[in-house]
Amino acid sequence: MDVIPVETVLGESPLWDERNGLLYWIDIHGEEIGALSVTSRRWATRPTGRRYGSIALTSTPGHLLAATSSGLEIIKLTDDGVVELSSIAAPEANIPGNRFNDGKTDRQGRFWAGTMEDAETGQRTGSMYRLDPGGALTRAWGDVGIPNGLCFSPDGETMYTADSMNGTLWAAPYDTATGDPGPRVVIATTEEPGSPDGSTVDEYGGIWNAEWGTSRLVRYLVDGTLDRVLEVPATMPTCMTFAGPGLDMLFVTTAQVGADAGQHGGSILVYDVGINGLPETPYSLG
């Protein structure tokens, strides 16, 4: 294990861009976005001026799609900071207490992201949205507490989601032609103090999930069977992604919020788990 002491308050949404060799991540509470060279282990952070819930690659190098407290935006990192290039959609401008949280592209490049109540008082005011290439936005479903765990099977035909508020992970058949998910079925649940946070899928279809509050990462098989548990030196792991030229290293974001953040809470942890990941499909800017 390697420890990269980036000192995030609430690190999230690690994102590997093979085009420039950088791993991006966000600090939700610290309102920053970071970029790490996976070869030199050097990094830099830039202020965002708002809460970012998740980021995704786009077809234009250096430009990212960001799900934020204001909506969906295209941003570009510069030497002077983060520049907002354009706002794509603000579907919940009438719900000022909500913000976007977890988000990820499907295998065809559509972007999925969910919203939540920022104050986290237990209200289920969030929704799940799909952003198609070209900018069309669809509200897929509501009654969302804390959306997390978004990822897709290697063939793209299964969509995985989670809700940290009720400790549930779902799988749904996914129409790759239309982007429409079918009925969701529960494949796993967590027990307190743990709750499911961010996820990624490996080359064999295993679903890796960061368990907030338990100092562990878990790997599920497609039927929800718990296949593997990896203990980590941070109480609040938040998300992970496979990165590096061979997608052979697992980079894990963590948080230093909570009563006991653990030895390396707020750092990025790097593991060789003996399994490779899959590349993320960029969102098409046309």
Protein backbone atom coordinates (compact mmCIF):
# COMPACT_ATOMS: atom_id res chain seq x y z
CA MET A 1 0.00 0.00 0.00
CA ASP A 2 1.11 3.56 -0.80
CA VAL A 3 -0.25 6.62 0.99
CA ILE A 4 -0.56 9.94 -0.82
CA PRO A 5 -1.24 12.63 1.85
CA VAL A 6 -3.51 14.95 -0.11
CA GLU A 7 -5.39 15.90 3.11
CA THR A 8 -8.91 16.07 1.76
CA VAL A 9 -11.79 16.84 4.08
CA LEU A 10 -14.14 14.65 2.03
CA GLY A 11 -12.31 13.11 -0.90
CA GLU A 12 -14.46 11.62 -3.67
CA SER A 13 -14.83 10.72 -7.34
CA PRO A 14 -11.31 9.54 -8.29
CA LEU A 15 -11.06 9.63 -12.07
CA TRP A 16 -8.20 8.33 -14.25
CA ASP A 17 -7.38 10.08 -17.52
CA GLU A 18 -4.94 8.00 -19.54
CA ARG A 19 -4.56 10.81 -22.07
CA ASN A 20 -2.49 12.92 -19.68
CA GLY A 21 -1.54 10.40 -17.01
CA LEU A 22 -3.47 12.22 -14.31
CA LEU A 23 -5.80 11.03 -11.60
CA TYR A 24 -8.40 13.66 -10.76
CA TRP A 25 -10.38 13.77 -7.53
CA ILE A 26 -12.58 16.22 -5.65
CA ASP A 27 -12.87 17.42 -2.06
CA ILE A 28 -16.58 18.02 -1.52
CA HIS A 29 -16.38 19.87 1.80
CA GLY A 30 -13.03 21.49 1.02
CA GLU A 31 -14.45 22.74 -2.32
CA GLU A 32 -11.33 21.74 -4.26
CA ILE A 33 -10.43 19.62 -7.25
CA GLY A 34 -7.09 17.84 -7.43
CA ALA A 35 -4.88 16.30 -10.10
CA LEU A 36 -2.25 13.66 -9.34
CA SER A 37 0.47 12.29 -11.60
CA VAL A 38 0.37 8.56 -10.92
CA THR A 39 4.00 8.16 -12.01
CA SER A 40 5.67 11.00 -10.07
CA ARG A 41 3.09 11.04 -7.24
CA ARG A 42 3.05 14.84 -7.43
CA TRP A 43 -0.27 16.61 -7.14
CA ALA A 44 -1.91 20.01 -7.16
CA THR A 45 -5.31 21.24 -6.00
CA ARG A 46 -7.47 24.12 -7.20
CA PRO A 47 -10.44 25.81 -5.49
CA THR A 48 -13.84 25.24 -7.07
CA GLY A 49 -15.94 27.86 -5.28
CA ARG A 50 -18.77 25.37 -4.78
CA ARG A 51 -19.41 21.80 -3.72
CA TYR A 52 -18.59 19.27 -6.43
CA GLY A 53 -20.27 15.89 -6.01
CA SER A 54 -18.59 14.05 -8.88
CA ILE A 55 -16.66 14.51 -12.10
CA ALA A 56 -16.36 12.64 -15.41
CA LEU A 57 -14.08 12.70 -18.40
CA THR A 58 -15.23 14.37 -21.60
CA SER A 59 -14.22 13.83 -25.21
CA THR A 60 -12.18 17.07 -25.05
CA PRO A 61 -8.92 16.53 -23.12
CA GLY A 62 -8.54 18.83 -20.15
CA HIS A 63 -12.28 19.45 -19.91
CA LEU A 64 -14.34 17.69 -17.26
CA LEU A 65 -18.04 17.27 -16.67
CA ALA A 66 -18.86 18.25 -13.09
CA ALA A 67 -21.97 17.55 -11.03
CA THR A 68 -22.12 20.36 -8.49
CA SER A 69 -24.30 22.19 -6.01
CA SER A 70 -25.42 24.39 -8.91
CA GLY A 71 -26.12 21.72 -11.51
CA LEU A 72 -24.14 20.11 -14.34
CA GLU A 73 -21.23 22.08 -15.77
CA ILE A 74 -18.25 21.75 -18.09
CA ILE A 75 -15.03 22.90 -16.44
CA LYS A 76 -11.39 23.24 -17.39
CA LEU A 77 -8.41 23.20 -15.05
CA THR A 78 -5.93 26.02 -15.61
CA ASP A 79 -2.85 27.26 -13.81
CA ASP A 80 -5.01 29.93 -12.19
CA GLY A 81 -7.76 27.62 -10.96
CA VAL A 82 -11.01 26.13 -12.19
CA VAL A 83 -12.82 27.95 -14.97
CA GLU A 84 -16.50 27.28 -15.58
CA LEU A 85 -16.92 27.05 -19.33
CA SER A 86 -20.63 26.39 -19.53
CA SER A 87 -23.65 25.31 -17.55
CA ILE A 88 -25.46 22.35 -19.06
CA ALA A 89 -28.44 21.97 -16.74
CA ALA A 90 -29.74 23.03 -13.35
CA PRO A 91 -32.66 20.64 -12.82
CA GLU A 92 -33.14 21.41 -9.13
CA ALA A 93 -32.70 25.16 -9.03
CA ASN A 94 -36.05 25.21 -7.23
CA ILE A 95 -34.67 22.98 -4.44
CA PRO A 96 -31.84 25.13 -3.03
CA GLY A 97 -31.08 22.63 -0.26
CA ASN A 98 -30.12 19.91 -2.75
CA ARG A 99 -26.83 19.23 -4.51
CA PHE A 100 -25.50 16.62 -6.90
CA ASN A 101 -23.50 13.75 -5.40
CA ASP A 102 -22.19 10.57 -7.02
CA GLY A 103 -21.98 10.40 -10.81
CA LYS A 104 -20.44 8.29 -13.57
CA THR A 105 -20.69 7.63 -17.31
CA ASP A 106 -22.11 4.44 -18.74
CA ARG A 107 -20.18 2.43 -21.33
CA GLN A 108 -21.70 4.52 -24.14
CA GLY A 109 -20.73 7.88 -22.56
CA ARG A 110 -24.03 8.97 -21.03
CA PHE A 111 -23.56 10.62 -17.65
CA TRP A 112 -25.60 9.51 -14.65
CA ALA A 113 -25.71 11.46 -11.39
CA GLY A 114 -27.93 11.68 -8.34
CA THR A 115 -28.94 14.55 -6.08
CA MET A 116 -29.35 14.68 -2.32
CA GLU A 117 -30.21 17.02 0.54
CA ASP A 118 -26.94 18.76 1.37
CA ALA A 119 -27.74 19.21 5.07
CA GLU A 120 -28.25 15.42 5.46
CA THR A 121 -31.16 15.65 7.88
CA GLY A 122 -32.67 12.41 6.59
CA GLN A 123 -34.94 13.86 3.91
CA ARG A 124 -35.24 11.84 0.70
CA THR A 125 -35.46 14.81 -1.65
CA GLY A 126 -32.98 13.55 -4.24
CA SER A 127 -33.43 12.15 -7.74
CA MET A 128 -31.40 10.25 -10.33
CA TYR A 129 -30.68 11.91 -13.68
CA ARG A 130 -29.25 10.82 -17.02
CA LEU A 131 -27.47 13.31 -19.27
CA ASP A 132 -27.28 12.15 -22.87
CA PRO A 133 -24.63 13.35 -25.35
CA GLY A 134 -26.06 16.51 -26.82
CA GLY A 135 -27.34 17.75 -23.46
CA ALA A 136 -30.78 16.14 -23.10
CA LEU A 137 -31.48 15.51 -19.40
CA THR A 138 -33.87 12.85 -18.08
CA ARG A 139 -35.07 12.41 -14.50
CA ALA A 140 -35.07 8.65 -14.06
CA TRP A 141 -36.48 8.26 -10.54
CA GLY A 142 -36.93 10.09 -7.24
CA ASP A 143 -37.10 9.19 -3.53
CA VAL A 144 -33.30 9.25 -3.31
CA GLY A 145 -31.54 9.72 0.02
CA ILE A 146 -27.77 9.76 -0.59
CA PRO A 147 -26.99 8.46 -4.10
CA ASN A 148 -23.80 6.44 -4.40
CA GLY A 149 -22.29 3.31 -5.90
CA LEU A 150 -22.88 4.15 -9.56
CA CYS A 151 -21.05 1.81 -11.93
CA PHE A 152 -21.70 -0.45 -14.91
CA SER A 153 -20.85 -4.03 -15.80
CA PRO A 154 -18.06 -4.61 -18.35
CA ASP A 155 -20.60 -5.18 -21.15
CA GLY A 156 -22.64 -2.19 -19.99
CA GLU A 157 -25.82 -4.25 -19.66
CA THR A 158 -26.12 -3.99 -15.88
CA MET A 159 -26.34 -0.76 -13.88
CA TYR A 160 -25.37 -0.72 -10.20
CA THR A 161 -26.49 1.94 -7.74
CA ALA A 162 -26.55 2.38 -3.98
CA ASP A 163 -28.19 4.59 -1.39
CA SER A 164 -26.05 5.35 1.65
CA MET A 165 -29.08 6.43 3.64
CA ASN A 166 -30.65 2.97 3.74
CA GLY A 167 -27.55 0.84 3.20
CA THR A 168 -28.79 -0.78 -0.01
CA LEU A 169 -27.05 -1.75 -3.26
CA TRP A 170 -29.09 -2.51 -6.38
CA ALA A 171 -28.55 -3.99 -9.81
CA ALA A 172 -30.74 -3.28 -12.83
CA PRO A 173 -30.73 -4.51 -16.43
CA TYR A 174 -29.60 -1.66 -18.65
CA ASP A 175 -30.57 -0.98 -22.25
CA THR A 176 -27.33 0.16 -23.85
CA ALA A 177 -29.17 1.49 -26.91
CA THR A 178 -31.54 3.81 -25.03
CA GLY A 179 -29.90 4.29 -21.63
CA ASP A 180 -33.04 3.11 -19.84
CA PRO A 181 -32.58 0.89 -16.76
CA GLY A 182 -35.02 -1.89 -15.95
CA PRO A 183 -36.43 -2.80 -12.53
CA ARG A 184 -33.86 -2.64 -9.75
CA VAL A 185 -33.25 -5.61 -7.46
CA VAL A 186 -31.40 -5.57 -4.15
CA ILE A 187 -28.10 -7.44 -4.34
CA ALA A 188 -26.57 -6.44 -0.99
CA THR A 189 -27.15 -4.43 2.17
CA THR A 190 -24.79 -3.04 4.79
CA GLU A 191 -25.07 -2.94 8.56
CA GLU A 192 -24.37 0.06 10.80
CA PRO A 193 -22.03 1.76 11.27
CA GLY A 194 -21.21 1.01 7.65
CA SER A 195 -22.97 2.32 4.57
CA PRO A 196 -22.21 1.90 0.84
CA ASP A 197 -20.30 4.74 -0.78
CA GLY A 198 -18.59 4.89 -4.18
CA SER A 199 -18.04 1.89 -6.44
CA THR A 200 -16.13 0.67 -9.48
CA VAL A 201 -16.19 -2.51 -11.56
CA ASP A 202 -13.12 -4.59 -12.41
CA GLU A 203 -12.25 -6.53 -15.58
CA TYR A 204 -14.07 -9.63 -14.34
CA GLY A 205 -17.26 -7.78 -13.42
CA GLY A 206 -16.58 -7.69 -9.69
CA ILE A 207 -18.19 -4.73 -7.94
CA TRP A 208 -15.84 -2.90 -5.55
CA ASN A 209 -17.54 -0.70 -2.97
CA ALA A 210 -16.08 1.63 -0.35
CA GLU A 211 -17.87 1.11 2.97
CA TRP A 212 -18.15 4.43 4.75
CA GLY A 213 -17.57 4.04 8.49
CA THR A 214 -16.02 0.55 8.47
CA SER A 215 -12.39 1.01 7.31
CA ARG A 216 -12.86 -1.48 4.51
CA LEU A 217 -13.38 -2.01 0.81
CA VAL A 218 -15.54 -4.90 -0.30
CA ARG A 219 -15.80 -6.77 -3.59
CA TYR A 220 -19.14 -8.30 -4.56
CA LEU A 221 -19.83 -10.85 -7.25
CA VAL A 222 -22.61 -10.06 -9.71
CA ASP A 223 -25.19 -11.87 -7.56
CA GLY A 224 -24.22 -9.84 -4.48
CA THR A 225 -22.08 -12.52 -2.85
CA LEU A 226 -19.37 -10.93 -0.71
CA ASP A 227 -16.17 -12.14 -2.36
CA ARG A 228 -13.38 -10.13 -0.77
CA VAL A 229 -12.74 -7.65 2.06
CA LEU A 230 -9.78 -5.27 2.14
CA GLU A 231 -9.11 -3.47 5.44
CA VAL A 232 -7.80 0.09 5.00
CA PRO A 233 -6.22 2.54 7.49
CA ALA A 234 -9.00 5.09 7.12
CA THR A 235 -12.41 4.86 8.79
CA MET A 236 -14.19 6.67 5.97
CA PRO A 237 -13.16 5.29 2.56
CA THR A 238 -15.32 6.98 -0.04
CA CYS A 239 -14.62 5.72 -3.56
CA MET A 240 -12.03 4.02 -5.73
CA THR A 241 -10.92 3.59 -9.31
CA PHE A 242 -8.34 1.58 -11.19
CA ALA A 243 -5.61 3.78 -12.64
CA GLY A 244 -2.17 3.71 -14.20
CA PRO A 245 -1.07 2.66 -17.72
CA GLY A 246 -2.32 -0.89 -17.18
CA LEU A 247 -5.29 0.01 -14.98
CA ASP A 248 -3.63 -2.28 -12.46
CA MET A 249 -3.55 -0.11 -9.32
CA LEU A 250 -6.55 0.70 -7.14
CA PHE A 251 -6.65 4.34 -5.99
CA VAL A 252 -8.93 4.97 -3.01
CA THR A 253 -10.19 8.34 -1.80
CA THR A 254 -10.95 8.85 1.89
CA ALA A 255 -12.31 11.47 4.27
CA GLN A 256 -11.15 13.00 7.51
CA VAL A 257 -14.64 13.85 8.71
CA GLY A 258 -16.26 11.91 11.52
CA ALA A 259 -15.29 11.13 15.08
CA ASP A 260 -12.44 8.80 14.07
CA ALA A 261 -10.99 9.34 10.63
CA GLY A 262 -8.39 6.62 11.06
CA GLN A 263 -4.64 6.80 10.60
CA HIS A 264 -4.75 8.02 6.99
CA GLY A 265 -8.19 9.62 6.71
CA GLY A 266 -8.14 12.27 4.00
CA SER A 267 -5.34 10.60 2.03
CA ILE A 268 -5.43 8.71 -1.25
CA LEU A 269 -4.51 5.05 -0.70
CA VAL A 270 -3.01 2.93 -3.50
CA TYR A 271 -3.26 -0.87 -3.65
CA ASP A 272 -2.19 -3.65 -5.97
CA VAL A 273 -5.15 -6.03 -5.64
CA GLY A 274 -4.05 -8.39 -8.42
CA ILE A 275 -6.96 -7.41 -10.67
CA ASN A 276 -7.17 -4.78 -13.40
CA GLY A 277 -9.91 -2.27 -14.00
CA LEU A 278 -11.73 -0.91 -17.03
CA PRO A 279 -11.44 2.51 -18.71
CA GLU A 280 -14.21 5.05 -18.18
CA THR A 281 -16.00 6.25 -21.32
CA PRO A 282 -15.79 10.03 -21.76
CA TYR A 283 -18.96 12.08 -22.11
CA SER A 284 -19.18 13.36 -25.69
CA LEU A 285 -19.11 17.12 -26.11
CA GLY A 286 -19.95 16.77 -29.81
